[in-house]
């Protein structure tokens, strides 16, 4: 049996209804990513260390996180 993901939306989700961003669902070994405007369209999953490195690189470069 699988459990549903606990999706989290970025605090940088934009103005208005706040739906102009991605959502992430951290898991033990992978991180799931989806478009907050179209959550049913699909989910991308990447290894958790790869996603952590991506976020760290954005922080170091001054990108929005």
PDB file of N, CA and C in Angstrom:
ATOM      1  N   UNK A   1       0.854  -1.188   0.000  1.00  0.00           N
ATOM      2  CA  UNK A   1       0.000   0.000   0.000  1.00  0.00           C
ATOM      3  C   UNK A   1       0.895   1.245   0.000  1.00  0.00           C
ATOM      4  N   UNK A   2       0.549   2.215  -0.826  1.00  0.00           N
ATOM      5  CA  UNK A   2       1.289   3.467  -0.855  1.00  0.00           C
ATOM      6  C   UNK A   2       0.482   4.548  -0.160  1.00  0.00           C
ATOM      7  N   UNK A   3       1.170   5.496   0.425  1.00  0.00           N
ATOM      8  CA  UNK A   3       0.494   6.601   1.090  1.00  0.00           C
ATOM      9  C   UNK A   3       0.542   7.818   0.185  1.00  0.00           C
ATOM     10  N   UNK A   4      -0.459   8.696   0.275  1.00  0.00           N
ATOM     11  CA  UNK A   4      -0.456   9.896  -0.576  1.00  0.00           C
ATOM     12  C   UNK A   4       0.687  10.834  -0.187  1.00  0.00           C
ATOM     13  N   UNK A   5       1.157  11.558  -1.155  1.00  0.00           N
ATOM     14  CA  UNK A   5       2.222  12.528  -0.905  1.00  0.00           C
ATOM     15  C   UNK A   5       1.678  13.708  -0.112  1.00  0.00           C
ATOM     16  N   UNK A   6       2.516  14.275   0.725  1.00  0.00           N
ATOM     17  CA  UNK A   6       2.189  15.509   1.444  1.00  0.00           C
ATOM     18  C   UNK A   6       2.817  16.654   0.658  1.00  0.00           C
ATOM     19  N   UNK A   7       2.049  17.260  -0.244  1.00  0.00           N
ATOM     20  CA  UNK A   7       2.560  18.306  -1.126  1.00  0.00           C
ATOM     21  C   UNK A   7       2.747  19.608  -0.374  1.00  0.00           C
ATOM     22  N   UNK A   8       3.843  20.323  -0.682  1.00  0.00           N
ATOM     23  CA  UNK A   8       4.138  21.624  -0.088  1.00  0.00           C
ATOM     24  C   UNK A   8       4.360  22.628  -1.204  1.00  0.00           C
ATOM     25  N   UNK A   9       3.728  23.780  -1.068  1.00  0.00           N
ATOM     26  CA  UNK A   9       3.865  24.840  -2.064  1.00  0.00           C
ATOM     27  C   UNK A   9       4.894  25.854  -1.574  1.00  0.00           C
ATOM     28  N   UNK A  10       5.682  26.360  -2.496  1.00  0.00           N
ATOM     29  CA  UNK A  10       6.694  27.355  -2.170  1.00  0.00           C
ATOM     30  C   UNK A  10       6.067  28.635  -1.654  1.00  0.00           C
ATOM     31  N   UNK A  11       6.786  29.322  -0.763  1.00  0.00           N
ATOM     32  CA  UNK A  11       6.324  30.635  -0.305  1.00  0.00           C
ATOM     33  C   UNK A  11       6.478  31.673  -1.412  1.00  0.00           C
ATOM     34  N   UNK A  12       7.193  31.332  -2.491  1.00  0.00           N
ATOM     35  CA  UNK A  12       7.367  32.203  -3.658  1.00  0.00           C
ATOM     36  C   UNK A  12       6.349  31.848  -4.740  1.00  0.00           C
ATOM     37  N   UNK A  13       5.122  31.570  -4.354  1.00  0.00           N
ATOM     38  CA  UNK A  13       4.137  31.087  -5.309  1.00  0.00           C
ATOM     39  C   UNK A  13       3.448  32.181  -6.101  1.00  0.00           C
ATOM     40  N   UNK A  14       3.908  33.404  -5.991  1.00  0.00           N
ATOM     41  CA  UNK A  14       3.349  34.481  -6.800  1.00  0.00           C
ATOM     42  C   UNK A  14       2.148  35.140  -6.153  1.00  0.00           C
ATOM     43  N   UNK A  15       1.687  36.183  -6.825  1.00  0.00           N
ATOM     44  CA  UNK A  15       0.555  36.942  -6.309  1.00  0.00           C
ATOM     45  C   UNK A  15      -0.769  36.310  -6.674  1.00  0.00           C
ATOM     46  N   UNK A  16      -1.819  37.040  -6.456  1.00  0.00           N
ATOM     47  CA  UNK A  16      -3.153  36.550  -6.791  1.00  0.00           C
ATOM     48  C   UNK A  16      -3.522  35.351  -5.950  1.00  0.00           C
ATOM     49  N   UNK A  17      -3.877  34.279  -6.625  1.00  0.00           N
ATOM     50  CA  UNK A  17      -4.289  33.068  -5.929  1.00  0.00           C
ATOM     51  C   UNK A  17      -3.106  32.232  -5.453  1.00  0.00           C
ATOM     52  N   UNK A  18      -1.898  32.653  -5.774  1.00  0.00           N
ATOM     53  CA  UNK A  18      -0.719  31.940  -5.314  1.00  0.00           C
ATOM     54  C   UNK A  18      -0.530  30.588  -5.958  1.00  0.00           C
ATOM     55  N   UNK A  19      -0.926  30.465  -7.234  1.00  0.00           N
ATOM     56  CA  UNK A  19      -0.842  29.152  -7.874  1.00  0.00           C
ATOM     57  C   UNK A  19       0.178  29.106  -9.009  1.00  0.00           C
ATOM     58  N   UNK A  20       1.097  30.063  -9.046  1.00  0.00           N
ATOM     59  CA  UNK A  20       2.069  30.117 -10.138  1.00  0.00           C
ATOM     60  C   UNK A  20       3.407  29.521  -9.692  1.00  0.00           C
ATOM     61  N   UNK A  21       3.405  28.279  -9.297  1.00  0.00           N
ATOM     62  CA  UNK A  21       4.651  27.660  -8.849  1.00  0.00           C
ATOM     63  C   UNK A  21       4.561  26.143  -8.932  1.00  0.00           C
ATOM     64  N   UNK A  22       5.582  25.534  -8.432  1.00  0.00           N
ATOM     65  CA  UNK A  22       5.594  24.083  -8.325  1.00  0.00           C
ATOM     66  C   UNK A  22       5.346  23.691  -6.882  1.00  0.00           C
ATOM     67  N   UNK A  23       4.967  22.435  -6.702  1.00  0.00           N
ATOM     68  CA  UNK A  23       4.813  21.864  -5.376  1.00  0.00           C
ATOM     69  C   UNK A  23       5.779  20.694  -5.277  1.00  0.00           C
ATOM     70  N   UNK A  24       6.284  20.459  -4.085  1.00  0.00           N
ATOM     71  CA  UNK A  24       7.185  19.329  -3.872  1.00  0.00           C
ATOM     72  C   UNK A  24       6.638  18.455  -2.749  1.00  0.00           C
ATOM     73  N   UNK A  25       6.972  17.186  -2.840  1.00  0.00           N
ATOM     74  CA  UNK A  25       6.609  16.221  -1.801  1.00  0.00           C
ATOM     75  C   UNK A  25       7.853  15.400  -1.482  1.00  0.00           C
ATOM     76  N   UNK A  26       8.554  15.773  -0.420  1.00  0.00           N
ATOM     77  CA  UNK A  26       9.755  15.024  -0.062  1.00  0.00           C
ATOM     78  C   UNK A  26       9.406  13.622   0.440  1.00  0.00           C
ATOM     79  N   UNK A  27      10.132  12.656  -0.038  1.00  0.00           N
ATOM     80  CA  UNK A  27       9.995  11.267   0.404  1.00  0.00           C
ATOM     81  C   UNK A  27      11.343  10.841   0.981  1.00  0.00           C
ATOM     82  N   UNK A  28      11.437   9.635   1.447  1.00  0.00           N
ATOM     83  CA  UNK A  28      12.680   9.181   2.065  1.00  0.00           C
ATOM     84  C   UNK A  28      13.832   9.171   1.076  1.00  0.00           C
ATOM     85  N   UNK A  29      13.625   8.656  -0.121  1.00  0.00           N
ATOM     86  CA  UNK A  29      14.722   8.524  -1.080  1.00  0.00           C
ATOM     87  C   UNK A  29      14.545   9.376  -2.333  1.00  0.00           C
ATOM     88  N   UNK A  30      13.349   9.921  -2.546  1.00  0.00           N
ATOM     89  CA  UNK A  30      13.087  10.698  -3.758  1.00  0.00           C
ATOM     90  C   UNK A  30      12.274  11.928  -3.400  1.00  0.00           C
ATOM     91  N   UNK A  31      12.282  12.920  -4.292  1.00  0.00           N
ATOM     92  CA  UNK A  31      11.444  14.102  -4.142  1.00  0.00           C
ATOM     93  C   UNK A  31      10.529  14.181  -5.348  1.00  0.00           C
ATOM     94  N   UNK A  32       9.233  14.297  -5.084  1.00  0.00           N
ATOM     95  CA  UNK A  32       8.246  14.426  -6.154  1.00  0.00           C
ATOM     96  C   UNK A  32       7.989  15.900  -6.414  1.00  0.00           C
ATOM     97  N   UNK A  33       7.810  16.248  -7.692  1.00  0.00           N
ATOM     98  CA  UNK A  33       7.609  17.636  -8.107  1.00  0.00           C
ATOM     99  C   UNK A  33       6.431  17.675  -9.071  1.00  0.00           C
ATOM    100  N   UNK A  34       5.546  18.669  -8.918  1.00  0.00           N
ATOM    101  CA  UNK A  34       4.428  18.819  -9.853  1.00  0.00           C
ATOM    102  C   UNK A  34       4.084  20.284 -10.024  1.00  0.00           C
ATOM    103  N   UNK A  35       3.370  20.592 -11.087  1.00  0.00           N
ATOM    104  CA  UNK A  35       2.902  21.948 -11.378  1.00  0.00           C
ATOM    105  C   UNK A  35       1.668  22.215 -10.518  1.00  0.00           C
ATOM    106  N   UNK A  36       1.705  23.278  -9.737  1.00  0.00           N
ATOM    107  CA  UNK A  36       0.579  23.558  -8.849  1.00  0.00           C
ATOM    108  C   UNK A  36      -0.690  23.942  -9.608  1.00  0.00           C
ATOM    109  N   UNK A  37      -0.550  24.439 -10.845  1.00  0.00           N
ATOM    110  CA  UNK A  37      -1.719  24.812 -11.642  1.00  0.00           C
ATOM    111  C   UNK A  37      -2.397  23.593 -12.265  1.00  0.00           C
ATOM    112  N   UNK A  38      -1.633  22.530 -12.485  1.00  0.00           N
ATOM    113  CA  UNK A  38      -2.168  21.323 -13.128  1.00  0.00           C
ATOM    114  C   UNK A  38      -1.649  20.073 -12.426  1.00  0.00           C
ATOM    115  N   UNK A  39      -2.016  19.856 -11.179  1.00  0.00           N
ATOM    116  CA  UNK A  39      -1.451  18.740 -10.426  1.00  0.00           C
ATOM    117  C   UNK A  39      -1.769  17.359 -10.999  1.00  0.00           C
ATOM    118  N   UNK A  40      -2.855  17.240 -11.742  1.00  0.00           N
ATOM    119  CA  UNK A  40      -3.219  15.940 -12.287  1.00  0.00           C
ATOM    120  C   UNK A  40      -2.459  15.592 -13.572  1.00  0.00           C
ATOM    121  N   UNK A  41      -1.727  16.540 -14.133  1.00  0.00           N
ATOM    122  CA  UNK A  41      -1.046  16.305 -15.413  1.00  0.00           C
ATOM    123  C   UNK A  41       0.164  15.395 -15.299  1.00  0.00           C
ATOM    124  N   UNK A  42       0.730  15.278 -14.127  1.00  0.00           N
ATOM    125  CA  UNK A  42       1.871  14.392 -13.978  1.00  0.00           C
ATOM    126  C   UNK A  42       2.806  14.844 -12.881  1.00  0.00           C
ATOM    127  N   UNK A  43       3.669  13.933 -12.491  1.00  0.00           N
ATOM    128  CA  UNK A  43       4.620  14.170 -11.418  1.00  0.00           C
ATOM    129  C   UNK A  43       5.995  13.733 -11.872  1.00  0.00           C
ATOM    130  N   UNK A  44       6.975  14.533 -11.548  1.00  0.00           N
ATOM    131  CA  UNK A  44       8.371  14.196 -11.810  1.00  0.00           C
ATOM    132  C   UNK A  44       8.984  13.805 -10.473  1.00  0.00           C
ATOM    133  N   UNK A  45       9.727  12.712 -10.437  1.00  0.00           N
ATOM    134  CA  UNK A  45      10.435  12.356  -9.219  1.00  0.00           C
ATOM    135  C   UNK A  45      11.928  12.274  -9.512  1.00  0.00           C
ATOM    136  N   UNK A  46      12.705  12.759  -8.560  1.00  0.00           N
ATOM    137  CA  UNK A  46      14.158  12.736  -8.681  1.00  0.00           C
ATOM    138  C   UNK A  46      14.732  12.231  -7.363  1.00  0.00           C
ATOM    139  N   UNK A  47      15.943  11.678  -7.397  1.00  0.00           N
ATOM    140  CA  UNK A  47      16.561  11.259  -6.138  1.00  0.00           C
ATOM    141  C   UNK A  47      16.676  12.449  -5.177  1.00  0.00           C
ATOM    142  N   UNK A  48      16.401  12.224  -3.911  1.00  0.00           N
ATOM    143  CA  UNK A  48      16.420  13.303  -2.920  1.00  0.00           C
ATOM    144  C   UNK A  48      17.744  14.068  -2.901  1.00  0.00           C
ATOM    145  N   UNK A  49      18.911  13.402  -2.977  1.00  0.00           N
ATOM    146  CA  UNK A  49      20.161  14.161  -2.972  1.00  0.00           C
ATOM    147  C   UNK A  49      20.311  15.075  -4.197  1.00  0.00           C
ATOM    148  N   UNK A  50      19.777  14.664  -5.331  1.00  0.00           N
ATOM    149  CA  UNK A  50      19.845  15.481  -6.543  1.00  0.00           C
ATOM    150  C   UNK A  50      18.993  16.738  -6.364  1.00  0.00           C
ATOM    151  N   UNK A  51      17.797  16.589  -5.812  1.00  0.00           N
ATOM    152  CA  UNK A  51      16.941  17.752  -5.589  1.00  0.00           C
ATOM    153  C   UNK A  51      17.565  18.692  -4.570  1.00  0.00           C
ATOM    154  N   UNK A  52      18.157  18.146  -3.504  1.00  0.00           N
ATOM    155  CA  UNK A  52      18.819  18.976  -2.492  1.00  0.00           C
ATOM    156  C   UNK A  52      19.969  19.764  -3.114  1.00  0.00           C
ATOM    157  N   UNK A  53      20.741  19.137  -3.983  1.00  0.00           N
ATOM    158  CA  UNK A  53      21.848  19.832  -4.654  1.00  0.00           C
ATOM    159  C   UNK A  53      21.312  20.937  -5.561  1.00  0.00           C
ATOM    160  N   UNK A  54      20.205  20.695  -6.236  1.00  0.00           N
ATOM    161  CA  UNK A  54      19.569  21.690  -7.095  1.00  0.00           C
ATOM    162  C   UNK A  54      19.147  22.911  -6.281  1.00  0.00           C
ATOM    163  N   UNK A  55      18.484  22.690  -5.158  1.00  0.00           N
ATOM    164  CA  UNK A  55      18.038  23.792  -4.301  1.00  0.00           C
ATOM    165  C   UNK A  55      19.242  24.554  -3.752  1.00  0.00           C
ATOM    166  N   UNK A  56      20.267  23.839  -3.317  1.00  0.00           N
ATOM    167  CA  UNK A  56      21.483  24.505  -2.814  1.00  0.00           C
ATOM    168  C   UNK A  56      22.121  25.375  -3.891  1.00  0.00           C
ATOM    169  N   UNK A  57      22.169  24.878  -5.126  1.00  0.00           N
ATOM    170  CA  UNK A  57      22.745  25.658  -6.233  1.00  0.00           C
ATOM    171  C   UNK A  57      21.919  26.925  -6.487  1.00  0.00           C
ATOM    172  N   UNK A  58      20.604  26.819  -6.404  1.00  0.00           N
ATOM    173  CA  UNK A  58      19.758  28.011  -6.570  1.00  0.00           C
ATOM    174  C   UNK A  58      20.030  29.029  -5.472  1.00  0.00           C
ATOM    175  N   UNK A  59      20.163  28.562  -4.256  1.00  0.00           N
ATOM    176  CA  UNK A  59      20.444  29.480  -3.139  1.00  0.00           C
ATOM    177  C   UNK A  59      21.767  30.183  -3.339  1.00  0.00           C
ATOM    178  N   UNK A  60      22.800  29.452  -3.745  1.00  0.00           N
ATOM    179  CA  UNK A  60      24.116  30.046  -3.945  1.00  0.00           C
ATOM    180  C   UNK A  60      24.129  31.046  -5.096  1.00  0.00           C
ATOM    181  N   UNK A  61      23.305  30.800  -6.121  1.00  0.00           N
ATOM    182  CA  UNK A  61      23.294  31.683  -7.290  1.00  0.00           C
ATOM    183  C   UNK A  61      22.370  32.884  -7.126  1.00  0.00           C
ATOM    184  N   UNK A  62      21.622  32.907  -6.036  1.00  0.00           N
ATOM    185  CA  UNK A  62      20.691  34.012  -5.812  1.00  0.00           C
ATOM    186  C   UNK A  62      19.351  33.798  -6.474  1.00  0.00           C
ATOM    187  N   UNK A  63      19.083  32.574  -6.961  1.00  0.00           N
ATOM    188  CA  UNK A  63      17.788  32.268  -7.562  1.00  0.00           C
ATOM    189  C   UNK A  63      16.693  32.222  -6.515  1.00  0.00           C
ATOM    190  N   UNK A  64      15.467  32.259  -6.939  1.00  0.00           N
ATOM    191  CA  UNK A  64      14.341  32.221  -6.002  1.00  0.00           C
ATOM    192  C   UNK A  64      14.157  30.827  -5.466  1.00  0.00           C
ATOM    193  N   UNK A  65      14.119  30.711  -4.170  1.00  0.00           N
ATOM    194  CA  UNK A  65      13.841  29.434  -3.501  1.00  0.00           C
ATOM    195  C   UNK A  65      12.901  29.689  -2.366  1.00  0.00           C
TER     196      UNK A  65
END
